């Protein structure tokens, strides 16, 4: 009886801890810079600034502009995400280390193949 109660309590503690750690809020770069917690920042890749893969360290480096217009250098531990060049927006999950946003994950949103060309639609009316 007591061992079952201990297992339930330990399971509940582990479950709550995992939930709290996985609950990552969206923020802009300014907010992410002020907090020490992991955040998710949505924005777009700044194509005219440095973008490269550092093969020696296994890091993908790029610049991103958040929805508030602030630009930051992002370093992703790992390879460049699929479809990065054609993404319409990017979400970086991580936290700041100094002035650099250290991302553990970068998600890309690609254009939908179902979105029509608005000019073509207007001409057809």
PDB file of N, CA and C in Angstrom:
ATOM      1  N   UNK A   1       0.829  -1.207   0.000  1.00  0.00           N
ATOM      2  CA  UNK A   1       0.000   0.000   0.000  1.00  0.00           C
ATOM      3  C   UNK A   1       0.868   1.263   0.000  1.00  0.00           C
ATOM      4  N   UNK A   2       1.843   1.319   0.887  1.00  0.00           N
ATOM      5  CA  UNK A   2       2.703   2.497   0.979  1.00  0.00           C
ATOM      6  C   UNK A   2       3.561   2.624  -0.276  1.00  0.00           C
ATOM      7  N   UNK A   3       4.050   1.492  -0.792  1.00  0.00           N
ATOM      8  CA  UNK A   3       4.889   1.553  -1.995  1.00  0.00           C
ATOM      9  C   UNK A   3       4.081   2.049  -3.193  1.00  0.00           C
ATOM     10  N   UNK A   4       2.829   1.678  -3.285  1.00  0.00           N
ATOM     11  CA  UNK A   4       1.966   2.170  -4.373  1.00  0.00           C
ATOM     12  C   UNK A   4       1.751   3.669  -4.242  1.00  0.00           C
ATOM     13  N   UNK A   5       1.574   4.148  -3.039  1.00  0.00           N
ATOM     14  CA  UNK A   5       1.390   5.581  -2.797  1.00  0.00           C
ATOM     15  C   UNK A   5       2.651   6.355  -3.173  1.00  0.00           C
ATOM     16  N   UNK A   6       3.828   5.798  -2.841  1.00  0.00           N
ATOM     17  CA  UNK A   6       5.098   6.432  -3.179  1.00  0.00           C
ATOM     18  C   UNK A   6       5.251   6.510  -4.708  1.00  0.00           C
ATOM     19  N   UNK A   7       4.907   5.431  -5.403  1.00  0.00           N
ATOM     20  CA  UNK A   7       4.994   5.411  -6.867  1.00  0.00           C
ATOM     21  C   UNK A   7       4.066   6.466  -7.473  1.00  0.00           C
ATOM     22  N   UNK A   8       2.880   6.607  -6.963  1.00  0.00           N
ATOM     23  CA  UNK A   8       1.925   7.598  -7.470  1.00  0.00           C
ATOM     24  C   UNK A   8       2.441   9.015  -7.237  1.00  0.00           C
ATOM     25  N   UNK A   9       2.964   9.291  -6.049  1.00  0.00           N
ATOM     26  CA  UNK A   9       3.475  10.624  -5.731  1.00  0.00           C
ATOM     27  C   UNK A   9       4.681  10.957  -6.609  1.00  0.00           C
ATOM     28  N   UNK A  10       5.604  10.016  -6.759  1.00  0.00           N
ATOM     29  CA  UNK A  10       6.778  10.241  -7.607  1.00  0.00           C
ATOM     30  C   UNK A  10       6.351  10.462  -9.050  1.00  0.00           C
ATOM     31  N   UNK A  11       5.411   9.671  -9.530  1.00  0.00           N
ATOM     32  CA  UNK A  11       4.897   9.835 -10.891  1.00  0.00           C
ATOM     33  C   UNK A  11       4.267  11.198 -11.100  1.00  0.00           C
ATOM     34  N   UNK A  12       3.507  11.661 -10.120  1.00  0.00           N
ATOM     35  CA  UNK A  12       2.883  12.979 -10.223  1.00  0.00           C
ATOM     36  C   UNK A  12       3.925  14.087 -10.256  1.00  0.00           C
ATOM     37  N   UNK A  13       4.953  13.969  -9.429  1.00  0.00           N
ATOM     38  CA  UNK A  13       6.008  14.987  -9.400  1.00  0.00           C
ATOM     39  C   UNK A  13       6.748  15.024 -10.732  1.00  0.00           C
ATOM     40  N   UNK A  14       7.083  13.858 -11.266  1.00  0.00           N
ATOM     41  CA  UNK A  14       7.776  13.793 -12.557  1.00  0.00           C
ATOM     42  C   UNK A  14       6.890  14.367 -13.665  1.00  0.00           C
ATOM     43  N   UNK A  15       5.613  14.038 -13.641  1.00  0.00           N
ATOM     44  CA  UNK A  15       4.685  14.549 -14.659  1.00  0.00           C
ATOM     45  C   UNK A  15       4.552  16.060 -14.618  1.00  0.00           C
ATOM     46  N   UNK A  16       4.401  16.624 -13.452  1.00  0.00           N
ATOM     47  CA  UNK A  16       4.277  18.078 -13.312  1.00  0.00           C
ATOM     48  C   UNK A  16       5.572  18.763 -13.733  1.00  0.00           C
ATOM     49  N   UNK A  17       6.716  18.211 -13.334  1.00  0.00           N
ATOM     50  CA  UNK A  17       8.009  18.788 -13.712  1.00  0.00           C
ATOM     51  C   UNK A  17       8.183  18.789 -15.226  1.00  0.00           C
ATOM     52  N   UNK A  18       7.875  17.683 -15.878  1.00  0.00           N
ATOM     53  CA  UNK A  18       7.984  17.609 -17.345  1.00  0.00           C
ATOM     54  C   UNK A  18       7.039  18.584 -18.031  1.00  0.00           C
ATOM     55  N   UNK A  19       5.835  18.739 -17.505  1.00  0.00           N
ATOM     56  CA  UNK A  19       4.880  19.670 -18.100  1.00  0.00           C
ATOM     57  C   UNK A  19       5.379  21.102 -17.986  1.00  0.00           C
ATOM     58  N   UNK A  20       5.882  21.478 -16.826  1.00  0.00           N
ATOM     59  CA  UNK A  20       6.376  22.842 -16.613  1.00  0.00           C
ATOM     60  C   UNK A  20       7.565  23.128 -17.530  1.00  0.00           C
ATOM     61  N   UNK A  21       8.472  22.163 -17.686  1.00  0.00           N
ATOM     62  CA  UNK A  21       9.640  22.365 -18.538  1.00  0.00           C
ATOM     63  C   UNK A  21       9.279  22.414 -20.018  1.00  0.00           C
ATOM     64  N   UNK A  22       8.229  21.712 -20.433  1.00  0.00           N
ATOM     65  CA  UNK A  22       7.850  21.693 -21.851  1.00  0.00           C
ATOM     66  C   UNK A  22       6.958  22.873 -22.229  1.00  0.00           C
ATOM     67  N   UNK A  23       6.412  23.571 -21.261  1.00  0.00           N
ATOM     68  CA  UNK A  23       5.536  24.703 -21.513  1.00  0.00           C
ATOM     69  C   UNK A  23       6.390  25.940 -21.793  1.00  0.00           C
ATOM     70  N   UNK A  24       6.609  26.226 -23.073  1.00  0.00           N
ATOM     71  CA  UNK A  24       7.465  27.333 -23.478  1.00  0.00           C
ATOM     72  C   UNK A  24       6.591  28.409 -24.129  1.00  0.00           C
ATOM     73  N   UNK A  25       6.681  29.626 -23.608  1.00  0.00           N
ATOM     74  CA  UNK A  25       5.844  30.728 -24.082  1.00  0.00           C
ATOM     75  C   UNK A  25       6.449  31.407 -25.295  1.00  0.00           C
ATOM     76  N   UNK A  26       5.581  31.993 -26.116  1.00  0.00           N
ATOM     77  CA  UNK A  26       6.034  32.835 -27.225  1.00  0.00           C
ATOM     78  C   UNK A  26       6.414  34.200 -26.677  1.00  0.00           C
ATOM     79  N   UNK A  27       7.457  34.780 -27.252  1.00  0.00           N
ATOM     80  CA  UNK A  27       7.921  36.107 -26.843  1.00  0.00           C
ATOM     81  C   UNK A  27       8.633  36.742 -28.019  1.00  0.00           C
ATOM     82  N   UNK A  28       8.899  38.037 -27.896  1.00  0.00           N
ATOM     83  CA  UNK A  28       9.762  38.674 -28.891  1.00  0.00           C
ATOM     84  C   UNK A  28      11.187  38.654 -28.333  1.00  0.00           C
ATOM     85  N   UNK A  29      12.166  39.098 -29.143  1.00  0.00           N
ATOM     86  CA  UNK A  29      13.551  39.048 -28.688  1.00  0.00           C
ATOM     87  C   UNK A  29      13.793  39.900 -27.450  1.00  0.00           C
ATOM     88  N   UNK A  30      13.151  41.054 -27.357  1.00  0.00           N
ATOM     89  CA  UNK A  30      13.353  41.929 -26.190  1.00  0.00           C
ATOM     90  C   UNK A  30      12.911  41.234 -24.906  1.00  0.00           C
ATOM     91  N   UNK A  31      11.764  40.570 -24.938  1.00  0.00           N
ATOM     92  CA  UNK A  31      11.276  39.844 -23.766  1.00  0.00           C
ATOM     93  C   UNK A  31      12.162  38.641 -23.465  1.00  0.00           C
ATOM     94  N   UNK A  32      12.559  37.926 -24.510  1.00  0.00           N
ATOM     95  CA  UNK A  32      13.420  36.752 -24.322  1.00  0.00           C
ATOM     96  C   UNK A  32      14.764  37.141 -23.719  1.00  0.00           C
ATOM     97  N   UNK A  33      15.264  38.314 -24.071  1.00  0.00           N
ATOM     98  CA  UNK A  33      16.542  38.792 -23.544  1.00  0.00           C
ATOM     99  C   UNK A  33      16.448  39.100 -22.051  1.00  0.00           C
ATOM    100  N   UNK A  34      15.260  39.557 -21.594  1.00  0.00           N
ATOM    101  CA  UNK A  34      15.067  39.922 -20.186  1.00  0.00           C
ATOM    102  C   UNK A  34      14.838  38.715 -19.277  1.00  0.00           C
ATOM    103  N   UNK A  35      14.492  37.576 -19.851  1.00  0.00           N
ATOM    104  CA  UNK A  35      14.187  36.407 -19.027  1.00  0.00           C
ATOM    105  C   UNK A  35      15.279  35.352 -19.183  1.00  0.00           C
ATOM    106  N   UNK A  36      15.386  34.497 -18.198  1.00  0.00           N
ATOM    107  CA  UNK A  36      16.360  33.405 -18.294  1.00  0.00           C
ATOM    108  C   UNK A  36      15.687  32.102 -18.716  1.00  0.00           C
ATOM    109  N   UNK A  37      14.363  32.161 -18.928  1.00  0.00           N
ATOM    110  CA  UNK A  37      13.624  30.967 -19.325  1.00  0.00           C
ATOM    111  C   UNK A  37      13.708  30.758 -20.834  1.00  0.00           C
ATOM    112  N   UNK A  38      13.452  29.520 -21.254  1.00  0.00           N
ATOM    113  CA  UNK A  38      13.334  29.229 -22.681  1.00  0.00           C
ATOM    114  C   UNK A  38      12.098  29.922 -23.220  1.00  0.00           C
ATOM    115  N   UNK A  39      12.207  30.440 -24.424  1.00  0.00           N
ATOM    116  CA  UNK A  39      11.074  31.062 -25.084  1.00  0.00           C
ATOM    117  C   UNK A  39      11.037  30.620 -26.539  1.00  0.00           C
ATOM    118  N   UNK A  40       9.914  30.880 -27.180  1.00  0.00           N
ATOM    119  CA  UNK A  40       9.770  30.660 -28.611  1.00  0.00           C
ATOM    120  C   UNK A  40       9.601  32.031 -29.249  1.00  0.00           C
ATOM    121  N   UNK A  41      10.428  32.329 -30.234  1.00  0.00           N
ATOM    122  CA  UNK A  41      10.357  33.613 -30.915  1.00  0.00           C
ATOM    123  C   UNK A  41       9.977  33.363 -32.364  1.00  0.00           C
ATOM    124  N   UNK A  42       8.915  34.039 -32.809  1.00  0.00           N
ATOM    125  CA  UNK A  42       8.452  33.908 -34.192  1.00  0.00           C
ATOM    126  C   UNK A  42       8.942  35.104 -34.983  1.00  0.00           C
ATOM    127  N   UNK A  43       9.402  34.849 -36.186  1.00  0.00           N
ATOM    128  CA  UNK A  43       9.869  35.933 -37.028  1.00  0.00           C
ATOM    129  C   UNK A  43      10.207  35.447 -38.411  1.00  0.00           C
ATOM    130  N   UNK A  44      11.161  36.144 -39.043  1.00  0.00           N
ATOM    131  CA  UNK A  44      11.571  35.748 -40.388  1.00  0.00           C
ATOM    132  C   UNK A  44      13.085  35.819 -40.513  1.00  0.00           C
ATOM    133  N   UNK A  45      13.613  34.998 -41.383  1.00  0.00           N
ATOM    134  CA  UNK A  45      15.038  34.939 -41.657  1.00  0.00           C
ATOM    135  C   UNK A  45      15.461  36.211 -42.376  1.00  0.00           C
ATOM    136  N   UNK A  46      16.558  36.823 -41.924  1.00  0.00           N
ATOM    137  CA  UNK A  46      17.110  38.014 -42.575  1.00  0.00           C
ATOM    138  C   UNK A  46      18.122  37.514 -43.609  1.00  0.00           C
ATOM    139  N   UNK A  47      17.690  37.482 -44.859  1.00  0.00           N
ATOM    140  CA  UNK A  47      18.461  36.843 -45.929  1.00  0.00           C
ATOM    141  C   UNK A  47      19.746  37.576 -46.287  1.00  0.00           C
ATOM    142  N   UNK A  48      19.817  38.872 -46.040  1.00  0.00           N
ATOM    143  CA  UNK A  48      21.001  39.628 -46.462  1.00  0.00           C
ATOM    144  C   UNK A  48      22.077  39.715 -45.373  1.00  0.00           C
ATOM    145  N   UNK A  49      21.905  38.942 -44.275  1.00  0.00           N
ATOM    146  CA  UNK A  49      22.948  38.873 -43.253  1.00  0.00           C
ATOM    147  C   UNK A  49      23.515  37.456 -43.210  1.00  0.00           C
ATOM    148  N   UNK A  50      24.597  37.303 -42.453  1.00  0.00           N
ATOM    149  CA  UNK A  50      25.319  36.027 -42.396  1.00  0.00           C
ATOM    150  C   UNK A  50      24.385  34.840 -42.175  1.00  0.00           C
ATOM    151  N   UNK A  51      24.553  33.832 -43.020  1.00  0.00           N
ATOM    152  CA  UNK A  51      23.868  32.549 -42.865  1.00  0.00           C
ATOM    153  C   UNK A  51      24.874  31.479 -43.265  1.00  0.00           C
ATOM    154  N   UNK A  52      25.183  30.580 -42.320  1.00  0.00           N
ATOM    155  CA  UNK A  52      26.166  29.546 -42.645  1.00  0.00           C
ATOM    156  C   UNK A  52      26.040  28.377 -41.679  1.00  0.00           C
ATOM    157  N   UNK A  53      26.614  27.249 -42.110  1.00  0.00           N
ATOM    158  CA  UNK A  53      26.698  26.077 -41.253  1.00  0.00           C
ATOM    159  C   UNK A  53      28.143  25.913 -40.830  1.00  0.00           C
ATOM    160  N   UNK A  54      28.382  25.899 -39.533  1.00  0.00           N
ATOM    161  CA  UNK A  54      29.717  25.697 -38.970  1.00  0.00           C
ATOM    162  C   UNK A  54      29.905  24.188 -38.779  1.00  0.00           C
ATOM    163  N   UNK A  55      30.530  23.547 -39.775  1.00  0.00           N
ATOM    164  CA  UNK A  55      30.678  22.090 -39.761  1.00  0.00           C
ATOM    165  C   UNK A  55      31.575  21.617 -38.620  1.00  0.00           C
ATOM    166  N   UNK A  56      32.565  22.423 -38.230  1.00  0.00           N
ATOM    167  CA  UNK A  56      33.466  22.022 -37.154  1.00  0.00           C
ATOM    168  C   UNK A  56      32.747  21.864 -35.818  1.00  0.00           C
ATOM    169  N   UNK A  57      31.749  22.720 -35.585  1.00  0.00           N
ATOM    170  CA  UNK A  57      31.021  22.693 -34.310  1.00  0.00           C
ATOM    171  C   UNK A  57      29.596  22.166 -34.435  1.00  0.00           C
ATOM    172  N   UNK A  58      29.155  21.869 -35.667  1.00  0.00           N
ATOM    173  CA  UNK A  58      27.801  21.354 -35.874  1.00  0.00           C
ATOM    174  C   UNK A  58      26.716  22.348 -35.532  1.00  0.00           C
ATOM    175  N   UNK A  59      26.928  23.627 -35.958  1.00  0.00           N
ATOM    176  CA  UNK A  59      25.958  24.677 -35.637  1.00  0.00           C
ATOM    177  C   UNK A  59      25.550  25.424 -36.897  1.00  0.00           C
ATOM    178  N   UNK A  60      24.260  25.746 -36.974  1.00  0.00           N
ATOM    179  CA  UNK A  60      23.719  26.560 -38.063  1.00  0.00           C
ATOM    180  C   UNK A  60      23.513  27.971 -37.519  1.00  0.00           C
ATOM    181  N   UNK A  61      24.078  28.958 -38.211  1.00  0.00           N
ATOM    182  CA  UNK A  61      24.068  30.343 -37.741  1.00  0.00           C
ATOM    183  C   UNK A  61      23.322  31.205 -38.751  1.00  0.00           C
ATOM    184  N   UNK A  62      22.389  32.023 -38.258  1.00  0.00           N
ATOM    185  CA  UNK A  62      21.639  32.930 -39.122  1.00  0.00           C
ATOM    186  C   UNK A  62      21.115  34.098 -38.299  1.00  0.00           C
ATOM    187  N   UNK A  63      20.575  35.092 -38.987  1.00  0.00           N
ATOM    188  CA  UNK A  63      19.946  36.233 -38.321  1.00  0.00           C
ATOM    189  C   UNK A  63      18.445  36.168 -38.559  1.00  0.00           C
ATOM    190  N   UNK A  64      17.712  36.574 -37.538  1.00  0.00           N
ATOM    191  CA  UNK A  64      16.257  36.513 -37.580  1.00  0.00           C
ATOM    192  C   UNK A  64      15.680  37.823 -37.051  1.00  0.00           C
ATOM    193  N   UNK A  65      14.611  38.285 -37.706  1.00  0.00           N
ATOM    194  CA  UNK A  65      13.896  39.476 -37.248  1.00  0.00           C
ATOM    195  C   UNK A  65      12.563  39.034 -36.656  1.00  0.00           C
ATOM    196  N   UNK A  66      12.303  39.427 -35.402  1.00  0.00           N
ATOM    197  CA  UNK A  66      11.057  39.024 -34.769  1.00  0.00           C
ATOM    198  C   UNK A  66       9.901  39.899 -35.256  1.00  0.00           C
ATOM    199  N   UNK A  67       8.704  39.613 -34.780  1.00  0.00           N
ATOM    200  CA  UNK A  67       7.514  40.344 -35.228  1.00  0.00           C
ATOM    201  C   UNK A  67       7.493  41.791 -34.759  1.00  0.00           C
ATOM    202  N   UNK A  68       8.352  42.149 -33.798  1.00  0.00           N
ATOM    203  CA  UNK A  68       8.464  43.536 -33.336  1.00  0.00           C
ATOM    204  C   UNK A  68       9.511  44.315 -34.120  1.00  0.00           C
ATOM    205  N   UNK A  69      10.248  43.626 -35.006  1.00  0.00           N
ATOM    206  CA  UNK A  69      11.249  44.288 -35.829  1.00  0.00           C
ATOM    207  C   UNK A  69      12.672  44.216 -35.292  1.00  0.00           C
ATOM    208  N   UNK A  70      12.883  43.577 -34.130  1.00  0.00           N
ATOM    209  CA  UNK A  70      14.232  43.447 -33.570  1.00  0.00           C
ATOM    210  C   UNK A  70      14.931  42.258 -34.221  1.00  0.00           C
ATOM    211  N   UNK A  71      16.191  42.463 -34.603  1.00  0.00           N
ATOM    212  CA  UNK A  71      16.987  41.424 -35.241  1.00  0.00           C
ATOM    213  C   UNK A  71      18.004  40.875 -34.254  1.00  0.00           C
ATOM    214  N   UNK A  72      18.214  39.550 -34.284  1.00  0.00           N
ATOM    215  CA  UNK A  72      19.189  38.910 -33.407  1.00  0.00           C
ATOM    216  C   UNK A  72      19.885  37.783 -34.159  1.00  0.00           C
ATOM    217  N   UNK A  73      21.109  37.521 -33.739  1.00  0.00           N
ATOM    218  CA  UNK A  73      21.868  36.392 -34.273  1.00  0.00           C
ATOM    219  C   UNK A  73      21.354  35.140 -33.570  1.00  0.00           C
ATOM    220  N   UNK A  74      21.088  34.089 -34.356  1.00  0.00           N
ATOM    221  CA  UNK A  74      20.576  32.833 -33.819  1.00  0.00           C
ATOM    222  C   UNK A  74      21.578  31.733 -34.141  1.00  0.00           C
ATOM    223  N   UNK A  75      21.915  30.944 -33.143  1.00  0.00           N
ATOM    224  CA  UNK A  75      22.786  29.784 -33.345  1.00  0.00           C
ATOM    225  C   UNK A  75      21.996  28.541 -32.953  1.00  0.00           C
ATOM    226  N   UNK A  76      21.798  27.674 -33.933  1.00  0.00           N
ATOM    227  CA  UNK A  76      21.061  26.427 -33.723  1.00  0.00           C
ATOM    228  C   UNK A  76      22.053  25.291 -33.569  1.00  0.00           C
ATOM    229  N   UNK A  77      21.897  24.530 -32.516  1.00  0.00           N
ATOM    230  CA  UNK A  77      22.716  23.327 -32.327  1.00  0.00           C
ATOM    231  C   UNK A  77      22.202  22.280 -33.305  1.00  0.00           C
ATOM    232  N   UNK A  78      22.907  22.109 -34.421  1.00  0.00           N
ATOM    233  CA  UNK A  78      22.492  21.125 -35.411  1.00  0.00           C
ATOM    234  C   UNK A  78      22.461  21.706 -36.811  1.00  0.00           C
ATOM    235  N   UNK A  79      21.939  20.919 -37.712  1.00  0.00           N
ATOM    236  CA  UNK A  79      21.918  21.277 -39.134  1.00  0.00           C
ATOM    237  C   UNK A  79      20.808  22.279 -39.457  1.00  0.00           C
ATOM    238  N   UNK A  80      20.917  22.865 -40.646  1.00  0.00           N
ATOM    239  CA  UNK A  80      19.896  23.790 -41.127  1.00  0.00           C
ATOM    240  C   UNK A  80      18.572  23.043 -41.268  1.00  0.00           C
ATOM    241  N   UNK A  81      17.479  23.630 -40.814  1.00  0.00           N
ATOM    242  CA  UNK A  81      16.171  22.979 -40.934  1.00  0.00           C
ATOM    243  C   UNK A  81      15.770  22.790 -42.400  1.00  0.00           C
ATOM    244  N   UNK A  82      14.977  21.765 -42.642  1.00  0.00           N
ATOM    245  CA  UNK A  82      14.456  21.528 -43.992  1.00  0.00           C
ATOM    246  C   UNK A  82      13.647  22.723 -44.474  1.00  0.00           C
ATOM    247  N   UNK A  83      13.743  23.010 -45.749  1.00  0.00           N
ATOM    248  CA  UNK A  83      12.972  24.075 -46.406  1.00  0.00           C
ATOM    249  C   UNK A  83      13.235  25.460 -45.825  1.00  0.00           C
ATOM    250  N   UNK A  84      14.389  25.656 -45.201  1.00  0.00           N
ATOM    251  CA  UNK A  84      14.689  26.932 -44.555  1.00  0.00           C
ATOM    252  C   UNK A  84      14.641  28.087 -45.554  1.00  0.00           C
ATOM    253  N   UNK A  85      15.191  27.887 -46.749  1.00  0.00           N
ATOM    254  CA  UNK A  85      15.273  28.966 -47.737  1.00  0.00           C
ATOM    255  C   UNK A  85      13.909  29.430 -48.249  1.00  0.00           C
ATOM    256  N   UNK A  86      12.912  28.552 -48.231  1.00  0.00           N
ATOM    257  CA  UNK A  86      11.601  28.933 -48.764  1.00  0.00           C
ATOM    258  C   UNK A  86      10.582  29.249 -47.668  1.00  0.00           C
ATOM    259  N   UNK A  87      11.019  29.210 -46.423  1.00  0.00           N
ATOM    260  CA  UNK A  87      10.102  29.435 -45.296  1.00  0.00           C
ATOM    261  C   UNK A  87       9.547  30.851 -45.316  1.00  0.00           C
ATOM    262  N   UNK A  88       8.259  30.974 -45.022  1.00  0.00           N
ATOM    263  CA  UNK A  88       7.626  32.285 -44.906  1.00  0.00           C
ATOM    264  C   UNK A  88       7.789  32.843 -43.498  1.00  0.00           C
ATOM    265  N   UNK A  89       8.000  31.963 -42.518  1.00  0.00           N
ATOM    266  CA  UNK A  89       8.299  32.396 -41.156  1.00  0.00           C
ATOM    267  C   UNK A  89       9.094  31.304 -40.449  1.00  0.00           C
ATOM    268  N   UNK A  90       9.733  31.715 -39.351  1.00  0.00           N
ATOM    269  CA  UNK A  90      10.604  30.835 -38.583  1.00  0.00           C
ATOM    270  C   UNK A  90      10.251  30.983 -37.107  1.00  0.00           C
ATOM    271  N   UNK A  91      10.261  29.874 -36.380  1.00  0.00           N
ATOM    272  CA  UNK A  91      10.091  29.903 -34.928  1.00  0.00           C
ATOM    273  C   UNK A  91      11.337  29.281 -34.306  1.00  0.00           C
ATOM    274  N   UNK A  92      12.043  30.062 -33.483  1.00  0.00           N
ATOM    275  CA  UNK A  92      13.237  29.583 -32.799  1.00  0.00           C
ATOM    276  C   UNK A  92      12.902  29.374 -31.328  1.00  0.00           C
ATOM    277  N   UNK A  93      13.234  28.192 -30.817  1.00  0.00           N
ATOM    278  CA  UNK A  93      12.967  27.856 -29.416  1.00  0.00           C
ATOM    279  C   UNK A  93      14.306  27.765 -28.691  1.00  0.00           C
ATOM    280  N   UNK A  94      14.494  28.598 -27.672  1.00  0.00           N
ATOM    281  CA  UNK A  94      15.742  28.593 -26.921  1.00  0.00           C
ATOM    282  C   UNK A  94      15.796  29.761 -25.968  1.00  0.00           C
ATOM    283  N   UNK A  95      17.030  30.239 -25.698  1.00  0.00           N
ATOM    284  CA  UNK A  95      17.187  31.400 -24.819  1.00  0.00           C
ATOM    285  C   UNK A  95      18.478  32.129 -25.163  1.00  0.00           C
ATOM    286  N   UNK A  96      18.567  33.354 -24.687  1.00  0.00           N
ATOM    287  CA  UNK A  96      19.736  34.181 -24.964  1.00  0.00           C
ATOM    288  C   UNK A  96      20.923  33.774 -24.109  1.00  0.00           C
ATOM    289  N   UNK A  97      22.098  33.837 -24.743  1.00  0.00           N
ATOM    290  CA  UNK A  97      23.380  33.723 -24.059  1.00  0.00           C
ATOM    291  C   UNK A  97      24.142  34.971 -24.473  1.00  0.00           C
ATOM    292  N   UNK A  98      24.120  35.989 -23.627  1.00  0.00           N
ATOM    293  CA  UNK A  98      24.661  37.291 -24.021  1.00  0.00           C
ATOM    294  C   UNK A  98      23.738  37.924 -25.050  1.00  0.00           C
ATOM    295  N   UNK A  99      24.288  38.270 -26.206  1.00  0.00           N
ATOM    296  CA  UNK A  99      23.500  38.895 -27.274  1.00  0.00           C
ATOM    297  C   UNK A  99      23.081  37.893 -28.357  1.00  0.00           C
ATOM    298  N   UNK A 100      23.393  36.613 -28.154  1.00  0.00           N
ATOM    299  CA  UNK A 100      23.105  35.577 -29.152  1.00  0.00           C
ATOM    300  C   UNK A 100      21.971  34.691 -28.649  1.00  0.00           C
ATOM    301  N   UNK A 101      20.975  34.447 -29.514  1.00  0.00           N
ATOM    302  CA  UNK A 101      19.876  33.550 -29.166  1.00  0.00           C
ATOM    303  C   UNK A 101      20.324  32.127 -29.484  1.00  0.00           C
ATOM    304  N   UNK A 102      20.486  31.312 -28.450  1.00  0.00           N
ATOM    305  CA  UNK A 102      20.907  29.918 -28.602  1.00  0.00           C
ATOM    306  C   UNK A 102      19.659  29.054 -28.751  1.00  0.00           C
ATOM    307  N   UNK A 103      19.420  28.574 -29.967  1.00  0.00           N
ATOM    308  CA  UNK A 103      18.213  27.799 -30.254  1.00  0.00           C
ATOM    309  C   UNK A 103      18.497  26.309 -30.152  1.00  0.00           C
ATOM    310  N   UNK A 104      17.588  25.614 -29.510  1.00  0.00           N
ATOM    311  CA  UNK A 104      17.682  24.158 -29.480  1.00  0.00           C
ATOM    312  C   UNK A 104      16.815  23.542 -30.567  1.00  0.00           C
ATOM    313  N   UNK A 105      15.899  24.366 -31.117  1.00  0.00           N
ATOM    314  CA  UNK A 105      15.023  23.896 -32.183  1.00  0.00           C
ATOM    315  C   UNK A 105      14.585  25.090 -33.026  1.00  0.00           C
ATOM    316  N   UNK A 106      14.515  24.902 -34.339  1.00  0.00           N
ATOM    317  CA  UNK A 106      13.993  25.920 -35.249  1.00  0.00           C
ATOM    318  C   UNK A 106      12.967  25.258 -36.145  1.00  0.00           C
ATOM    319  N   UNK A 107      11.769  25.807 -36.156  1.00  0.00           N
ATOM    320  CA  UNK A 107      10.687  25.310 -37.001  1.00  0.00           C
ATOM    321  C   UNK A 107      10.461  26.289 -38.143  1.00  0.00           C
ATOM    322  N   UNK A 108      10.124  25.772 -39.302  1.00  0.00           N
ATOM    323  CA  UNK A 108       9.873  26.630 -40.462  1.00  0.00           C
ATOM    324  C   UNK A 108       8.430  26.471 -40.920  1.00  0.00           C
ATOM    325  N   UNK A 109       7.854  27.571 -41.383  1.00  0.00           N
ATOM    326  CA  UNK A 109       6.520  27.541 -41.976  1.00  0.00           C
ATOM    327  C   UNK A 109       6.696  27.859 -43.448  1.00  0.00           C
ATOM    328  N   UNK A 110       6.357  26.909 -44.279  1.00  0.00           N
ATOM    329  CA  UNK A 110       6.530  27.078 -45.721  1.00  0.00           C
ATOM    330  C   UNK A 110       5.232  27.550 -46.349  1.00  0.00           C
ATOM    331  N   UNK A 111       5.341  28.180 -47.521  1.00  0.00           N
ATOM    332  CA  UNK A 111       4.125  28.629 -48.192  1.00  0.00           C
ATOM    333  C   UNK A 111       3.251  27.440 -48.561  1.00  0.00           C
ATOM    334  N   UNK A 112       1.969  27.621 -48.441  1.00  0.00           N
ATOM    335  CA  UNK A 112       1.042  26.554 -48.770  1.00  0.00           C
ATOM    336  C   UNK A 112       0.907  26.430 -50.274  1.00  0.00           C
ATOM    337  N   UNK A 113       0.879  25.200 -50.739  1.00  0.00           N
ATOM    338  CA  UNK A 113       0.680  25.000 -52.176  1.00  0.00           C
ATOM    339  C   UNK A 113      -0.766  25.316 -52.563  1.00  0.00           C
ATOM    340  N   UNK A 114      -1.624  25.508 -51.565  1.00  0.00           N
ATOM    341  CA  UNK A 114      -3.021  25.809 -51.835  1.00  0.00           C
ATOM    342  C   UNK A 114      -3.317  27.304 -51.852  1.00  0.00           C
ATOM    343  N   UNK A 115      -2.342  28.127 -51.448  1.00  0.00           N
ATOM    344  CA  UNK A 115      -2.557  29.568 -51.476  1.00  0.00           C
ATOM    345  C   UNK A 115      -2.460  30.047 -52.915  1.00  0.00           C
ATOM    346  N   UNK A 116      -3.463  30.759 -53.359  1.00  0.00           N
ATOM    347  CA  UNK A 116      -3.488  31.216 -54.740  1.00  0.00           C
ATOM    348  C   UNK A 116      -2.781  32.545 -54.921  1.00  0.00           C
ATOM    349  N   UNK A 117      -2.486  32.854 -56.133  1.00  0.00           N
ATOM    350  CA  UNK A 117      -1.892  34.134 -56.507  1.00  0.00           C
ATOM    351  C   UNK A 117      -3.039  35.147 -56.543  1.00  0.00           C
ATOM    352  N   UNK A 118      -3.015  36.138 -55.647  1.00  0.00           N
ATOM    353  CA  UNK A 118      -4.142  37.079 -55.528  1.00  0.00           C
ATOM    354  C   UNK A 118      -4.331  37.889 -56.807  1.00  0.00           C
ATOM    355  N   UNK A 119      -3.241  38.225 -57.513  1.00  0.00           N
ATOM    356  CA  UNK A 119      -3.383  38.974 -58.764  1.00  0.00           C
ATOM    357  C   UNK A 119      -4.090  38.131 -59.821  1.00  0.00           C
ATOM    358  N   UNK A 120      -3.757  36.869 -59.892  1.00  0.00           N
ATOM    359  CA  UNK A 120      -4.391  35.978 -60.860  1.00  0.00           C
ATOM    360  C   UNK A 120      -5.869  35.826 -60.564  1.00  0.00           C
ATOM    361  N   UNK A 121      -6.220  35.765 -59.269  1.00  0.00           N
ATOM    362  CA  UNK A 121      -7.617  35.658 -58.887  1.00  0.00           C
ATOM    363  C   UNK A 121      -8.373  36.927 -59.281  1.00  0.00           C
ATOM    364  N   UNK A 122      -7.787  38.091 -59.021  1.00  0.00           N
ATOM    365  CA  UNK A 122      -8.442  39.356 -59.371  1.00  0.00           C
ATOM    366  C   UNK A 122      -8.679  39.468 -60.880  1.00  0.00           C
ATOM    367  N   UNK A 123      -7.712  39.035 -61.671  1.00  0.00           N
ATOM    368  CA  UNK A 123      -7.847  39.100 -63.119  1.00  0.00           C
ATOM    369  C   UNK A 123      -8.926  38.160 -63.644  1.00  0.00           C
ATOM    370  N   UNK A 124      -9.150  37.068 -62.931  1.00  0.00           N
ATOM    371  CA  UNK A 124     -10.136  36.107 -63.396  1.00  0.00           C
ATOM    372  C   UNK A 124     -11.564  36.531 -63.075  1.00  0.00           C
ATOM    373  N   UNK A 125     -11.743  37.541 -62.230  1.00  0.00           N
ATOM    374  CA  UNK A 125     -13.094  37.985 -61.840  1.00  0.00           C
ATOM    375  C   UNK A 125     -13.712  38.875 -62.868  1.00  0.00           C
TER     376      UNK A 125
END
